[in-house]
N, C-alpha and C. Protein backbone atom coordinates (compact mmCIF):
# COMPACT_ATOMS: atom_id res chain seq x y z
N UNK A 1 1.16 92.25 57.13
CA UNK A 1 1.29 92.06 55.64
C UNK A 1 2.38 92.92 55.12
N UNK A 2 3.02 92.41 54.12
CA UNK A 2 4.21 93.14 53.47
C UNK A 2 3.60 93.64 52.07
N UNK A 3 4.03 94.90 51.92
CA UNK A 3 3.61 95.46 50.66
C UNK A 3 4.65 95.20 49.62
N UNK A 4 4.41 94.86 48.39
CA UNK A 4 5.23 94.69 47.25
C UNK A 4 5.40 95.95 46.44
N UNK A 5 6.64 96.40 46.42
CA UNK A 5 6.97 97.61 45.59
C UNK A 5 7.06 97.26 44.16
N UNK A 6 5.98 97.66 43.40
CA UNK A 6 5.97 97.32 42.02
C UNK A 6 6.94 98.04 41.13
N UNK A 7 7.54 99.12 41.70
CA UNK A 7 8.57 99.87 40.94
C UNK A 7 9.91 99.17 40.89
N UNK A 8 10.14 98.22 41.87
CA UNK A 8 11.34 97.51 41.92
C UNK A 8 11.35 96.23 40.99
N UNK A 9 10.27 95.86 40.49
CA UNK A 9 10.19 94.53 39.74
C UNK A 9 11.13 94.53 38.57
N UNK A 10 11.29 95.61 37.78
CA UNK A 10 12.20 95.51 36.59
C UNK A 10 13.57 95.40 37.07
N UNK A 11 13.98 96.03 38.21
CA UNK A 11 15.39 95.86 38.61
C UNK A 11 15.69 94.54 39.07
N UNK A 12 14.77 93.82 39.79
CA UNK A 12 14.93 92.50 40.19
C UNK A 12 14.95 91.56 38.97
N UNK A 13 14.12 91.80 38.05
CA UNK A 13 14.08 90.96 36.72
C UNK A 13 15.39 91.00 36.11
N UNK A 14 15.92 92.26 35.94
CA UNK A 14 17.21 92.54 35.31
C UNK A 14 18.31 91.85 36.01
N UNK A 15 18.38 91.94 37.37
CA UNK A 15 19.46 91.28 38.07
C UNK A 15 19.29 89.68 37.96
N UNK A 16 18.14 89.29 37.93
CA UNK A 16 17.89 87.76 37.87
C UNK A 16 18.38 87.37 36.40
N UNK A 17 18.03 88.12 35.42
CA UNK A 17 18.44 87.82 34.02
C UNK A 17 19.95 87.90 33.89
N UNK A 18 20.60 88.82 34.45
CA UNK A 18 22.06 89.01 34.43
C UNK A 18 22.69 87.85 35.08
N UNK A 19 22.14 87.36 36.27
CA UNK A 19 22.66 86.19 36.88
C UNK A 19 22.48 84.90 36.14
N UNK A 20 21.37 84.92 35.39
CA UNK A 20 21.20 83.78 34.47
C UNK A 20 22.18 83.68 33.28
N UNK A 21 22.42 84.89 32.81
CA UNK A 21 23.43 84.97 31.78
C UNK A 21 24.79 84.45 32.25
N UNK A 22 25.18 84.85 33.40
CA UNK A 22 26.47 84.42 33.93
C UNK A 22 26.47 82.99 34.17
N UNK A 23 25.44 82.47 34.89
CA UNK A 23 25.43 80.98 35.24
C UNK A 23 25.41 80.14 33.80
N UNK A 24 24.61 80.58 32.80
CA UNK A 24 24.64 79.84 31.69
C UNK A 24 26.04 79.85 30.85
N UNK A 25 26.60 81.06 30.90
CA UNK A 25 27.93 81.08 30.16
C UNK A 25 28.95 80.27 31.02
N UNK A 26 28.95 80.23 32.29
CA UNK A 26 29.76 79.40 33.07
C UNK A 26 29.56 77.86 32.76
N UNK A 27 28.24 77.55 32.84
CA UNK A 27 27.92 76.13 32.64
C UNK A 27 28.35 75.68 31.27
N UNK A 28 27.91 76.35 30.20
CA UNK A 28 28.21 75.88 28.91
C UNK A 28 29.72 76.18 28.51
N UNK A 29 30.27 77.28 28.92
CA UNK A 29 31.63 77.52 28.54
C UNK A 29 32.67 76.57 29.22
N UNK A 30 32.49 76.41 30.53
CA UNK A 30 33.36 75.39 31.30
C UNK A 30 33.14 74.00 30.73
N UNK A 31 31.87 73.62 30.49
CA UNK A 31 31.60 72.33 30.02
C UNK A 31 32.28 72.04 28.67
N UNK A 32 32.07 72.86 27.74
CA UNK A 32 32.70 72.63 26.47
C UNK A 32 34.16 72.83 26.42
N UNK A 33 34.74 73.67 27.35
CA UNK A 33 36.18 73.74 27.47
C UNK A 33 36.78 72.62 28.00
N UNK A 34 36.03 71.95 28.95
CA UNK A 34 36.50 70.68 29.59
C UNK A 34 36.45 69.54 28.53
N UNK A 35 35.46 69.53 27.64
CA UNK A 35 35.39 68.62 26.57
C UNK A 35 36.61 68.75 25.68
N UNK A 36 36.92 69.90 25.27
CA UNK A 36 38.13 70.13 24.42
C UNK A 36 39.35 69.62 25.17
N UNK A 37 39.51 69.99 26.39
CA UNK A 37 40.76 69.46 27.17
C UNK A 37 40.69 67.96 27.29
N UNK A 38 39.55 67.28 27.53
CA UNK A 38 39.48 65.87 27.64
C UNK A 38 39.80 65.16 26.23
N UNK A 39 39.42 65.81 25.16
CA UNK A 39 39.68 65.35 23.80
C UNK A 39 41.23 65.30 23.55
N UNK A 40 41.79 66.47 23.82
CA UNK A 40 43.26 66.50 23.76
C UNK A 40 44.01 65.48 24.47
N UNK A 41 43.55 65.28 25.71
CA UNK A 41 44.22 64.29 26.63
C UNK A 41 43.94 62.94 26.08
N UNK A 42 42.75 62.63 25.63
CA UNK A 42 42.52 61.37 24.85
C UNK A 42 43.33 61.16 23.78
N UNK A 43 43.54 62.21 22.90
CA UNK A 43 44.46 62.00 21.69
C UNK A 43 45.88 61.66 22.21
N UNK A 44 46.35 62.36 23.17
CA UNK A 44 47.64 62.12 23.70
C UNK A 44 47.78 60.70 24.23
N UNK A 45 46.86 60.22 24.93
CA UNK A 45 46.84 58.99 25.61
C UNK A 45 46.78 57.79 24.54
N UNK A 46 46.19 58.09 23.43
CA UNK A 46 46.08 57.01 22.35
C UNK A 46 47.15 57.05 21.38
N UNK A 47 48.15 57.97 21.61
CA UNK A 47 49.32 57.97 20.62
C UNK A 47 49.10 58.90 19.55
N UNK A 48 48.01 59.73 19.50
CA UNK A 48 47.84 60.71 18.46
C UNK A 48 48.53 62.01 18.70
N UNK A 49 48.67 62.89 17.75
CA UNK A 49 49.21 64.26 18.10
C UNK A 49 48.11 65.00 18.61
N UNK A 50 48.19 65.34 19.94
CA UNK A 50 47.20 66.17 20.60
C UNK A 50 47.09 67.55 20.20
N UNK A 51 48.26 68.02 19.68
CA UNK A 51 48.34 69.41 19.26
C UNK A 51 48.07 69.67 17.77
N UNK A 52 47.73 68.54 17.00
CA UNK A 52 47.52 68.70 15.63
C UNK A 52 46.14 68.94 15.18
N UNK A 53 45.93 68.65 13.97
CA UNK A 53 44.53 69.05 13.41
C UNK A 53 43.34 68.25 13.98
N UNK A 54 43.68 67.11 14.61
CA UNK A 54 42.53 66.38 15.21
C UNK A 54 41.93 67.00 16.40
N UNK A 55 42.63 67.95 17.06
CA UNK A 55 42.00 68.57 18.13
C UNK A 55 40.87 69.44 17.85
N UNK A 56 40.77 69.76 16.51
CA UNK A 56 39.66 70.62 15.91
C UNK A 56 38.34 69.93 16.05
N UNK A 57 38.26 68.69 16.11
CA UNK A 57 37.05 67.91 16.14
C UNK A 57 36.23 68.29 17.48
N UNK A 58 37.07 68.44 18.45
CA UNK A 58 36.26 68.98 19.78
C UNK A 58 36.00 70.37 19.70
N UNK A 59 36.83 71.10 19.10
CA UNK A 59 36.62 72.67 18.99
C UNK A 59 35.39 72.99 18.29
N UNK A 60 34.97 71.98 17.34
CA UNK A 60 33.72 72.35 16.54
C UNK A 60 32.53 72.25 17.43
N UNK A 61 32.61 71.70 18.67
CA UNK A 61 31.47 71.75 19.58
C UNK A 61 31.21 73.03 20.26
N UNK A 62 32.19 73.97 20.21
CA UNK A 62 32.06 75.25 20.84
C UNK A 62 30.91 76.06 20.20
N UNK A 63 30.74 76.21 18.89
CA UNK A 63 29.64 76.98 18.39
C UNK A 63 28.32 76.35 18.79
N UNK A 64 28.33 75.01 18.84
CA UNK A 64 27.00 74.40 19.32
C UNK A 64 26.75 74.79 20.79
N UNK A 65 27.76 74.80 21.57
CA UNK A 65 27.50 75.13 22.95
C UNK A 65 27.11 76.66 23.11
N UNK A 66 27.67 77.52 22.30
CA UNK A 66 27.25 78.97 22.24
C UNK A 66 25.81 79.05 21.85
N UNK A 67 25.34 78.50 20.81
CA UNK A 67 24.02 78.46 20.46
C UNK A 67 23.08 77.81 21.48
N UNK A 68 23.53 76.82 21.98
CA UNK A 68 22.72 76.16 23.06
C UNK A 68 22.59 76.98 24.31
N UNK A 69 23.55 77.77 24.68
CA UNK A 69 23.41 78.67 25.83
C UNK A 69 22.47 79.84 25.50
N UNK A 70 22.49 80.26 24.34
CA UNK A 70 21.60 81.31 23.87
C UNK A 70 20.22 80.85 23.82
N UNK A 71 19.95 79.67 23.32
CA UNK A 71 18.73 78.96 23.26
C UNK A 71 18.04 78.87 24.60
N UNK A 72 18.90 78.36 25.53
CA UNK A 72 18.50 78.13 26.86
C UNK A 72 18.10 79.27 27.69
N UNK A 73 18.92 80.55 27.39
CA UNK A 73 18.56 81.78 28.00
C UNK A 73 17.26 82.28 27.50
N UNK A 74 16.99 82.14 26.26
CA UNK A 74 15.69 82.55 25.63
C UNK A 74 14.59 81.71 26.22
N UNK A 75 14.78 80.46 26.38
CA UNK A 75 13.66 79.59 26.89
C UNK A 75 13.44 79.84 28.43
N UNK A 76 14.47 80.08 29.21
CA UNK A 76 14.31 80.29 30.61
C UNK A 76 13.73 81.74 30.89
N UNK A 77 13.94 82.62 30.04
CA UNK A 77 13.42 83.97 30.27
C UNK A 77 11.98 84.12 29.64
N UNK A 78 11.51 83.13 28.99
CA UNK A 78 10.12 83.29 28.25
C UNK A 78 9.17 83.43 29.47
N UNK A 79 8.19 84.24 29.18
CA UNK A 79 7.78 84.91 27.96
C UNK A 79 8.53 86.24 27.63
N UNK A 80 9.41 86.72 28.66
CA UNK A 80 10.17 87.82 28.34
C UNK A 80 11.22 87.54 27.28
N UNK A 81 11.73 88.66 26.61
CA UNK A 81 12.71 88.48 25.55
C UNK A 81 14.11 88.75 26.26
N UNK A 82 15.11 87.99 25.93
CA UNK A 82 16.47 88.26 26.49
C UNK A 82 17.10 89.57 25.91
N UNK A 83 16.81 89.98 24.73
CA UNK A 83 17.40 91.11 24.20
C UNK A 83 18.79 90.72 23.49
N UNK A 84 19.20 91.62 22.60
CA UNK A 84 20.44 91.34 21.92
C UNK A 84 21.68 91.43 22.86
N UNK A 85 21.65 92.33 23.83
CA UNK A 85 22.87 92.35 24.70
C UNK A 85 22.96 91.05 25.52
N UNK A 86 21.95 90.60 26.11
CA UNK A 86 22.10 89.41 26.98
C UNK A 86 22.44 88.12 26.03
N UNK A 87 21.78 88.12 24.93
CA UNK A 87 22.03 86.92 23.98
C UNK A 87 23.48 86.94 23.61
N UNK A 88 24.02 88.14 23.22
CA UNK A 88 25.48 88.27 22.83
C UNK A 88 26.37 87.96 24.08
N UNK A 89 25.88 88.37 25.20
CA UNK A 89 26.71 88.24 26.41
C UNK A 89 26.91 86.82 26.77
N UNK A 90 25.80 86.02 26.79
CA UNK A 90 25.88 84.60 27.10
C UNK A 90 26.60 83.94 26.04
N UNK A 91 26.56 84.12 24.74
CA UNK A 91 27.30 83.50 23.75
C UNK A 91 28.75 83.77 23.71
N UNK A 92 29.02 85.15 23.92
CA UNK A 92 30.43 85.54 23.96
C UNK A 92 31.11 85.04 25.21
N UNK A 93 30.36 85.07 26.33
CA UNK A 93 30.98 84.48 27.56
C UNK A 93 31.26 82.88 27.45
N UNK A 94 30.29 82.23 26.93
CA UNK A 94 30.53 80.86 26.61
C UNK A 94 31.77 80.55 25.77
N UNK A 95 31.96 81.27 24.73
CA UNK A 95 33.05 81.21 23.78
C UNK A 95 34.42 81.58 24.50
N UNK A 96 34.36 82.59 25.21
CA UNK A 96 35.58 83.05 25.87
C UNK A 96 36.00 82.03 26.94
N UNK A 97 35.13 81.60 27.76
CA UNK A 97 35.50 80.50 28.80
C UNK A 97 36.03 79.38 28.11
N UNK A 98 35.34 78.86 27.02
CA UNK A 98 35.83 77.62 26.39
C UNK A 98 37.25 77.80 25.88
N UNK A 99 37.50 78.99 25.31
CA UNK A 99 38.68 79.25 24.74
C UNK A 99 39.91 79.43 25.77
N UNK A 100 39.51 80.01 26.95
CA UNK A 100 40.45 80.05 28.03
C UNK A 100 40.86 78.67 28.55
N UNK A 101 39.82 77.91 28.73
CA UNK A 101 40.09 76.51 29.38
C UNK A 101 40.76 75.65 28.24
N UNK A 102 40.50 75.72 27.06
CA UNK A 102 41.10 74.99 25.96
C UNK A 102 42.58 75.31 25.78
N UNK A 103 42.85 76.69 25.87
CA UNK A 103 44.24 77.15 25.77
C UNK A 103 45.07 76.72 26.97
N UNK A 104 44.46 76.82 28.16
CA UNK A 104 45.20 76.44 29.40
C UNK A 104 45.38 74.92 29.33
N UNK A 105 44.55 74.09 28.71
CA UNK A 105 44.80 72.65 28.66
C UNK A 105 45.97 72.40 27.61
N UNK A 106 46.10 73.17 26.63
CA UNK A 106 47.21 73.04 25.76
C UNK A 106 48.54 73.19 26.50
N UNK A 107 48.55 74.17 27.33
CA UNK A 107 49.77 74.56 28.05
C UNK A 107 49.99 73.40 29.06
N UNK A 108 49.00 73.02 29.79
CA UNK A 108 49.16 71.88 30.83
C UNK A 108 49.62 70.56 30.08
N UNK A 109 49.01 70.27 28.98
CA UNK A 109 49.31 68.99 28.38
C UNK A 109 50.70 69.05 27.72
N UNK A 110 51.09 70.29 27.25
CA UNK A 110 52.54 70.39 26.67
C UNK A 110 53.54 70.23 27.77
N UNK A 111 53.31 70.76 28.88
CA UNK A 111 54.25 70.53 29.99
C UNK A 111 54.20 69.15 30.55
N UNK A 112 53.07 68.52 30.52
CA UNK A 112 52.89 67.09 30.96
C UNK A 112 53.55 66.07 30.00
N UNK A 113 53.23 66.34 28.71
CA UNK A 113 53.72 65.33 27.62
C UNK A 113 55.29 65.60 27.43
N UNK A 114 55.70 66.80 27.61
CA UNK A 114 57.15 67.01 27.40
C UNK A 114 57.60 67.33 26.03
N UNK A 115 58.89 67.52 25.89
CA UNK A 115 59.48 67.84 24.61
C UNK A 115 59.37 66.92 23.56
N UNK A 116 59.30 65.59 23.84
CA UNK A 116 59.16 64.63 22.68
C UNK A 116 57.81 64.82 21.95
N UNK A 117 56.77 65.12 22.67
CA UNK A 117 55.41 65.30 22.08
C UNK A 117 55.54 66.66 21.22
N UNK A 118 56.10 67.61 21.71
CA UNK A 118 56.17 68.91 20.94
C UNK A 118 57.10 68.73 19.77
N UNK A 119 58.21 67.92 19.89
CA UNK A 119 59.02 67.79 18.65
C UNK A 119 58.29 66.97 17.63
N UNK A 120 57.40 65.98 18.01
CA UNK A 120 56.65 65.28 17.06
C UNK A 120 55.63 66.20 16.44
N UNK A 121 55.14 67.06 17.15
CA UNK A 121 54.05 68.00 16.53
C UNK A 121 54.80 68.89 15.52
N UNK A 122 55.95 69.37 15.90
CA UNK A 122 56.66 70.30 15.03
C UNK A 122 57.02 69.48 13.66
N UNK A 123 57.45 68.28 13.84
CA UNK A 123 57.81 67.38 12.70
C UNK A 123 56.57 67.27 11.71
N UNK A 124 55.41 66.90 12.35
CA UNK A 124 54.25 66.71 11.51
C UNK A 124 53.77 68.10 10.83
N UNK A 125 53.91 69.23 11.60
CA UNK A 125 53.55 70.54 11.02
C UNK A 125 54.46 70.87 9.87
N UNK A 126 55.79 70.60 10.09
CA UNK A 126 56.80 70.88 9.08
C UNK A 126 56.46 70.02 7.87
N UNK A 127 56.17 68.78 7.95
CA UNK A 127 55.83 67.98 6.82
C UNK A 127 54.57 68.53 6.01
N UNK A 128 53.55 69.00 6.80
CA UNK A 128 52.34 69.62 6.17
C UNK A 128 52.73 70.78 5.35
N UNK A 129 53.63 71.70 5.97
CA UNK A 129 53.95 72.93 5.29
C UNK A 129 54.81 72.65 3.98
N UNK A 130 55.72 71.62 4.16
CA UNK A 130 56.51 71.29 2.91
C UNK A 130 55.65 70.67 1.87
N UNK A 131 54.67 69.92 2.22
CA UNK A 131 53.78 69.36 1.16
C UNK A 131 52.87 70.40 0.45
N UNK A 132 52.55 71.45 1.29
CA UNK A 132 51.74 72.59 0.70
C UNK A 132 52.67 73.34 -0.23
N UNK A 133 53.83 73.52 0.19
CA UNK A 133 54.85 74.16 -0.66
C UNK A 133 55.09 73.52 -1.97
N UNK A 134 55.14 72.12 -1.92
CA UNK A 134 55.37 71.38 -3.05
C UNK A 134 54.16 71.42 -4.10
N UNK A 135 53.00 71.51 -3.52
CA UNK A 135 51.84 71.59 -4.37
C UNK A 135 51.59 72.96 -5.05
N UNK A 136 52.31 73.93 -4.64
CA UNK A 136 52.11 75.34 -5.14
C UNK A 136 52.82 75.36 -6.44
N UNK A 137 52.14 75.87 -7.52
CA UNK A 137 52.80 76.04 -8.82
C UNK A 137 54.09 76.92 -8.73
N UNK A 138 55.06 76.54 -9.47
CA UNK A 138 56.35 77.26 -9.47
C UNK A 138 56.21 78.77 -9.62
N UNK A 139 55.35 79.16 -10.52
CA UNK A 139 55.17 80.53 -10.84
C UNK A 139 54.52 81.38 -9.67
N UNK A 140 53.88 80.62 -8.76
CA UNK A 140 53.23 81.39 -7.63
C UNK A 140 54.00 81.24 -6.34
N UNK A 141 55.15 80.53 -6.43
CA UNK A 141 55.91 80.31 -5.15
C UNK A 141 56.56 81.58 -4.70
N UNK A 142 56.70 81.74 -3.46
CA UNK A 142 57.38 83.02 -2.90
C UNK A 142 58.49 82.40 -1.92
N UNK A 143 59.59 82.17 -2.33
CA UNK A 143 60.73 81.51 -1.56
C UNK A 143 61.05 82.20 -0.20
N UNK A 144 61.06 83.47 -0.13
CA UNK A 144 61.25 84.09 1.22
C UNK A 144 60.13 83.82 2.24
N UNK A 145 58.90 83.81 1.70
CA UNK A 145 57.76 83.43 2.52
C UNK A 145 57.82 82.00 2.99
N UNK A 146 58.22 81.04 2.02
CA UNK A 146 58.28 79.75 2.39
C UNK A 146 59.40 79.35 3.45
N UNK A 147 60.53 80.15 3.32
CA UNK A 147 61.49 80.12 4.33
C UNK A 147 61.06 80.48 5.69
N UNK A 148 60.31 81.61 5.69
CA UNK A 148 59.76 82.11 6.91
C UNK A 148 58.70 81.22 7.55
N UNK A 149 57.92 80.56 6.78
CA UNK A 149 56.93 79.59 7.24
C UNK A 149 57.66 78.43 7.97
N UNK A 150 58.66 77.88 7.26
CA UNK A 150 59.42 76.78 7.72
C UNK A 150 60.19 77.10 9.09
N UNK A 151 60.72 78.33 9.01
CA UNK A 151 61.33 78.95 10.34
C UNK A 151 60.35 79.00 11.52
N UNK A 152 59.20 79.45 11.15
CA UNK A 152 58.12 79.57 12.21
C UNK A 152 57.74 78.21 12.73
N UNK A 153 57.61 77.34 11.85
CA UNK A 153 57.20 75.92 12.40
C UNK A 153 58.30 75.31 13.24
N UNK A 154 59.47 75.48 12.79
CA UNK A 154 60.70 74.85 13.55
C UNK A 154 60.84 75.58 15.03
N UNK A 155 60.46 76.82 14.96
CA UNK A 155 60.53 77.51 16.30
C UNK A 155 59.22 77.67 17.08
N UNK A 156 58.33 76.79 16.67
CA UNK A 156 57.02 76.79 17.43
C UNK A 156 57.11 76.52 18.92
N UNK A 157 56.53 77.35 19.80
CA UNK A 157 56.60 77.25 21.24
C UNK A 157 55.30 76.89 21.76
N UNK A 158 55.20 76.44 23.09
CA UNK A 158 54.01 76.18 23.58
C UNK A 158 53.14 77.41 23.75
N UNK A 159 53.71 78.49 23.92
CA UNK A 159 52.87 79.83 23.89
C UNK A 159 52.19 80.02 22.47
N UNK A 160 53.01 79.81 21.55
CA UNK A 160 52.33 79.85 20.18
C UNK A 160 51.21 79.03 19.95
N UNK A 161 51.37 77.74 20.38
CA UNK A 161 50.25 76.80 20.25
C UNK A 161 49.07 77.13 21.17
N UNK A 162 49.30 77.63 22.37
CA UNK A 162 48.17 78.05 23.21
C UNK A 162 47.45 79.22 22.62
N UNK A 163 48.27 80.25 22.20
CA UNK A 163 47.56 81.41 21.50
C UNK A 163 46.74 81.02 20.28
N UNK A 164 47.38 80.05 19.49
CA UNK A 164 46.58 79.72 18.27
C UNK A 164 45.35 78.86 18.66
N UNK A 165 45.37 78.08 19.60
CA UNK A 165 44.28 77.25 20.18
C UNK A 165 43.23 78.24 20.73
N UNK A 166 43.58 79.28 21.48
CA UNK A 166 42.74 80.29 22.05
C UNK A 166 42.00 80.98 20.94
N UNK A 167 42.77 81.44 19.98
CA UNK A 167 42.15 82.23 18.78
C UNK A 167 41.16 81.44 18.05
N UNK A 168 41.50 80.12 17.77
CA UNK A 168 40.70 79.33 16.93
C UNK A 168 39.40 78.97 17.61
N UNK A 169 39.49 78.62 18.90
CA UNK A 169 38.28 78.28 19.69
C UNK A 169 37.38 79.53 19.88
N UNK A 170 37.95 80.58 20.13
CA UNK A 170 37.23 81.89 20.27
C UNK A 170 36.54 82.27 18.96
N UNK A 171 37.30 82.20 17.87
CA UNK A 171 36.67 82.42 16.57
C UNK A 171 35.54 81.48 16.19
N UNK A 172 35.70 80.16 16.40
CA UNK A 172 34.60 79.23 16.17
C UNK A 172 33.40 79.56 16.99
N UNK A 173 33.61 79.95 18.27
CA UNK A 173 32.46 80.35 19.12
C UNK A 173 31.73 81.56 18.70
N UNK A 174 32.54 82.55 18.48
CA UNK A 174 31.92 83.89 17.97
C UNK A 174 31.36 83.76 16.65
N UNK A 175 31.77 82.80 15.84
CA UNK A 175 31.19 82.64 14.48
C UNK A 175 29.75 82.47 14.55
N UNK A 176 29.19 81.75 15.54
CA UNK A 176 27.71 81.60 15.71
C UNK A 176 27.11 82.40 16.76
N UNK A 177 27.96 83.02 17.66
CA UNK A 177 27.47 83.92 18.65
C UNK A 177 26.59 85.13 18.14
N UNK A 178 27.27 85.71 17.09
CA UNK A 178 26.51 86.83 16.55
C UNK A 178 25.16 86.55 15.94
N UNK A 179 25.23 85.65 14.95
CA UNK A 179 23.92 85.34 14.31
C UNK A 179 22.90 84.64 15.34
N UNK A 180 23.52 83.81 16.24
CA UNK A 180 22.56 83.13 17.22
C UNK A 180 22.05 84.23 18.15
N UNK A 181 22.89 85.34 18.60
CA UNK A 181 22.33 86.33 19.47
C UNK A 181 21.27 87.17 18.81
N UNK A 182 21.43 87.38 17.46
CA UNK A 182 20.41 88.08 16.70
C UNK A 182 19.16 87.28 16.65
N UNK A 183 19.26 86.09 16.40
CA UNK A 183 18.15 85.19 16.24
C UNK A 183 17.38 84.92 17.61
N UNK A 184 18.08 84.70 18.62
CA UNK A 184 17.52 84.39 19.94
C UNK A 184 17.24 85.65 20.86
N UNK A 185 17.39 86.80 20.21
CA UNK A 185 17.14 88.03 21.10
C UNK A 185 15.57 88.18 21.32
N UNK A 186 14.78 87.57 20.53
CA UNK A 186 13.34 87.76 20.68
C UNK A 186 12.64 86.57 21.18
């Protein structure tokens, strides 16, 4: 007969819960990151600007994936409570992985689509900036700032787009990771 050491149960439970946090963050983060990548590829293949505002439609799924991973963690650990640290870890990990995959897909798509797609994106972004400047009342306009904005858009690089995509996806994910972590901690 084997004897069970009851003093080791909390350590085993903590290791199992940590593994669950990692598995859920990987599953949800990679999944929603691939959805973002597939959406951008679909936009490019259908003749839309894959780097423009339409890519945000897939990025809005990231907060849902974050909350979903936190909910599933709570459900799988029941009747035990995941705690704030684990709930935030699974949500933050999900958001971080999604942001990394989405930003990497921007880089890959930009290199695959080539300079014509990037030039089209810059032209569309420049048009948006100029329309915003035209709508600003004359007394509130800042000409040096407007020139700087136009200069930034005309010099937009793949790195700038990838960093912007990463930041936006991470921000969207963390937007609900904190309240979700607090809610699902118990």
